Amino acid sequence: MVFRFAQSETVQFRTGLGFNWLEDDGHTDAGFNFTYGVDIYPSRPWVFSTTLDLGALGHSGLVHSRTTVGFQWKRLEVFTGYDFFKVGSAEIDGLISGLQIWF
């Protein structure tokens, strides 16, 4: 569950707690995480966003970070950025791009 706790015309901050779940062939791990994020709107139509998740999955630590820059038109955003995900010693990272609908 994530809550926006501060905002202005050019920035909004959010934080929350969540539940992690991973299941594969006969093995299940679960844990909790803390999320903190910020969206910055320097000038229309640009938006810079970053999110950090810290937590656990089973007995392993979990770190997830995503930073993007996007072009927003009405409630639709086209974005590109970088995503980093680490569970224990396993890391997955790389460039990302996509579409996002804002509510």
C-alpha atoms as a PDB file:
ATOM      1  CA  MET A   1       0.000   0.000   0.000  1.00  0.00           C
ATOM      2  CA  VAL A   2       1.528   3.294  -1.116  1.00  0.00           C
ATOM      3  CA  PHE A   3       0.411   6.739   0.058  1.00  0.00           C
ATOM      4  CA  ARG A   4       1.203  10.166  -1.345  1.00  0.00           C
ATOM      5  CA  PHE A   5       2.201  12.206   1.707  1.00  0.00           C
ATOM      6  CA  ALA A   6       3.390  15.533   0.256  1.00  0.00           C
ATOM      7  CA  GLN A   7       2.805  17.361  -2.987  1.00  0.00           C
ATOM      8  CA  SER A   8       2.992  20.675  -4.783  1.00  0.00           C
ATOM      9  CA  GLU A   9       2.508  21.731  -8.393  1.00  0.00           C
ATOM     10  CA  THR A  10       6.008  20.494  -9.299  1.00  0.00           C
ATOM     11  CA  VAL A  11       6.680  17.502  -7.019  1.00  0.00           C
ATOM     12  CA  GLN A  12       4.935  14.670  -5.183  1.00  0.00           C
ATOM     13  CA  PHE A  13       6.331  12.226  -2.614  1.00  0.00           C
ATOM     14  CA  ARG A  14       5.014   8.772  -1.753  1.00  0.00           C
ATOM     15  CA  THR A  15       5.878   6.030   0.699  1.00  0.00           C
ATOM     16  CA  GLY A  16       4.476   2.709   1.774  1.00  0.00           C
ATOM     17  CA  LEU A  17       4.873  -0.859   2.922  1.00  0.00           C
ATOM     18  CA  GLY A  18       4.433  -3.939   0.791  1.00  0.00           C
ATOM     19  CA  PHE A  19       4.595  -7.696   0.623  1.00  0.00           C
ATOM     20  CA  ASN A  20       7.051  -9.636  -1.587  1.00  0.00           C
ATOM     21  CA  TRP A  21       6.235 -13.103  -2.916  1.00  0.00           C
ATOM     22  CA  LEU A  22       8.299 -15.475  -5.078  1.00  0.00           C
ATOM     23  CA  GLU A  23       7.241 -18.976  -6.026  1.00  0.00           C
ATOM     24  CA  ASP A  24       8.972 -21.464  -8.313  1.00  0.00           C
ATOM     25  CA  ASP A  25       9.144 -25.263  -8.629  1.00  0.00           C
ATOM     26  CA  GLY A  26       8.106 -26.373  -5.149  1.00  0.00           C
ATOM     27  CA  HIS A  27       9.651 -23.450  -3.267  1.00  0.00           C
ATOM     28  CA  THR A  28       8.012 -20.287  -1.928  1.00  0.00           C
ATOM     29  CA  ASP A  29       9.622 -17.218  -0.337  1.00  0.00           C
ATOM     30  CA  ALA A  30       7.883 -14.190   1.124  1.00  0.00           C
ATOM     31  CA  GLY A  31       8.874 -10.970   2.853  1.00  0.00           C
ATOM     32  CA  PHE A  32       8.056  -7.310   3.395  1.00  0.00           C
ATOM     33  CA  ASN A  33       9.402  -4.133   1.861  1.00  0.00           C
ATOM     34  CA  PHE A  34       9.471  -0.369   2.339  1.00  0.00           C
ATOM     35  CA  THR A  35       8.871   1.903  -0.673  1.00  0.00           C
ATOM     36  CA  TYR A  36       9.811   5.563  -1.146  1.00  0.00           C
ATOM     37  CA  GLY A  37       9.346   7.529  -4.349  1.00  0.00           C
ATOM     38  CA  VAL A  38       9.218  10.997  -5.854  1.00  0.00           C
ATOM     39  CA  ASP A  39       7.839  12.450  -9.092  1.00  0.00           C
ATOM     40  CA  ILE A  40       9.211  15.794 -10.265  1.00  0.00           C
ATOM     41  CA  TYR A  41       7.486  17.913 -12.916  1.00  0.00           C
ATOM     42  CA  PRO A  42      10.100  20.539 -13.950  1.00  0.00           C
ATOM     43  CA  SER A  43       8.036  21.870 -16.876  1.00  0.00           C
ATOM     44  CA  ARG A  44       5.200  20.559 -18.982  1.00  0.00           C
ATOM     45  CA  PRO A  45       5.143  17.891 -20.382  1.00  0.00           C
ATOM     46  CA  TRP A  46       8.220  16.378 -18.644  1.00  0.00           C
ATOM     47  CA  VAL A  47       8.220  14.151 -15.554  1.00  0.00           C
ATOM     48  CA  PHE A  48      11.195  12.649 -13.694  1.00  0.00           C
ATOM     49  CA  SER A  49      10.398   9.734 -11.362  1.00  0.00           C
ATOM     50  CA  THR A  50      12.445   7.621  -9.000  1.00  0.00           C
ATOM     51  CA  THR A  51      11.414   4.824  -6.642  1.00  0.00           C
ATOM     52  CA  LEU A  52      13.410   2.832  -4.084  1.00  0.00           C
ATOM     53  CA  ASP A  53      12.234  -0.437  -2.483  1.00  0.00           C
ATOM     54  CA  LEU A  54      14.155  -1.999   0.417  1.00  0.00           C
ATOM     55  CA  GLY A  55      13.117  -5.233   2.061  1.00  0.00           C
ATOM     56  CA  ALA A  56      13.502  -8.983   2.296  1.00  0.00           C
ATOM     57  CA  LEU A  57      12.485 -12.067   0.372  1.00  0.00           C
ATOM     58  CA  GLY A  58      12.855 -15.191   2.474  1.00  0.00           C
ATOM     59  CA  HIS A  59      16.278 -14.915   4.144  1.00  0.00           C
ATOM     60  CA  SER A  60      17.682 -12.613   1.431  1.00  0.00           C
ATOM     61  CA  GLY A  61      17.778  -8.846   1.218  1.00  0.00           C
ATOM     62  CA  LEU A  62      15.883  -7.123  -1.588  1.00  0.00           C
ATOM     63  CA  VAL A  63      16.731  -3.822  -3.293  1.00  0.00           C
ATOM     64  CA  HIS A  64      14.787  -2.375  -6.213  1.00  0.00           C
ATOM     65  CA  SER A  65      15.373   1.032  -7.769  1.00  0.00           C
ATOM     66  CA  ARG A  66      13.821   2.608 -10.853  1.00  0.00           C
ATOM     67  CA  THR A  67      14.524   6.051 -12.311  1.00  0.00           C
ATOM     68  CA  THR A  68      12.730   7.337 -15.404  1.00  0.00           C
ATOM     69  CA  VAL A  69      12.200  10.430 -17.501  1.00  0.00           C
ATOM     70  CA  GLY A  70       8.912  10.734 -19.324  1.00  0.00           C
ATOM     71  CA  PHE A  71       6.802  12.810 -21.657  1.00  0.00           C
ATOM     72  CA  GLN A  72       3.231  13.165 -20.376  1.00  0.00           C
ATOM     73  CA  TRP A  73       0.162  13.909 -22.503  1.00  0.00           C
ATOM     74  CA  LYS A  74      -3.065  14.173 -20.504  1.00  0.00           C
ATOM     75  CA  ARG A  75      -2.997  10.944 -18.408  1.00  0.00           C
ATOM     76  CA  LEU A  76      -0.633   8.987 -20.685  1.00  0.00           C
ATOM     77  CA  GLU A  77       3.146   8.977 -20.164  1.00  0.00           C
ATOM     78  CA  VAL A  78       5.814   7.609 -22.513  1.00  0.00           C
ATOM     79  CA  PHE A  79       8.973   6.970 -20.488  1.00  0.00           C
ATOM     80  CA  THR A  80      12.491   5.583 -20.569  1.00  0.00           C
ATOM     81  CA  GLY A  81      14.915   4.938 -17.745  1.00  0.00           C
ATOM     82  CA  TYR A  82      16.939   2.461 -15.727  1.00  0.00           C
ATOM     83  CA  ASP A  83      15.764  -0.376 -13.458  1.00  0.00           C
ATOM     84  CA  PHE A  84      17.869  -2.250 -10.869  1.00  0.00           C
ATOM     85  CA  PHE A  85      16.643  -5.309  -8.955  1.00  0.00           C
ATOM     86  CA  LYS A  86      18.719  -7.331  -6.466  1.00  0.00           C
ATOM     87  CA  VAL A  87      17.671 -10.296  -4.320  1.00  0.00           C
ATOM     88  CA  GLY A  88      20.505 -11.771  -2.283  1.00  0.00           C
ATOM     89  CA  SER A  89      23.449 -11.971  -4.696  1.00  0.00           C
ATOM     90  CA  ALA A  90      21.314 -12.120  -7.871  1.00  0.00           C
ATOM     91  CA  GLU A  91      21.079  -8.854  -9.829  1.00  0.00           C
ATOM     92  CA  ILE A  92      18.952  -7.866 -12.808  1.00  0.00           C
ATOM     93  CA  ASP A  93      19.360  -4.392 -14.260  1.00  0.00           C
ATOM     94  CA  GLY A  94      18.983  -2.546 -17.512  1.00  0.00           C
ATOM     95  CA  LEU A  95      17.308   0.118 -19.565  1.00  0.00           C
ATOM     96  CA  ILE A  96      13.517   0.225 -19.653  1.00  0.00           C
ATOM     97  CA  SER A  97      10.844   2.012 -21.664  1.00  0.00           C
ATOM     98  CA  GLY A  98       7.096   1.916 -21.759  1.00  0.00           C
ATOM     99  CA  LEU A  99       3.710   3.567 -21.441  1.00  0.00           C
ATOM    100  CA  GLN A 100       2.040   4.487 -18.162  1.00  0.00           C
ATOM    101  CA  ILE A 101      -1.488   5.674 -17.417  1.00  0.00           C
ATOM    102  CA  TRP A 102      -1.775   8.117 -14.500  1.00  0.00           C
ATOM    103  CA  PHE A 103      -4.872   8.026 -12.265  1.00  0.00           C
END
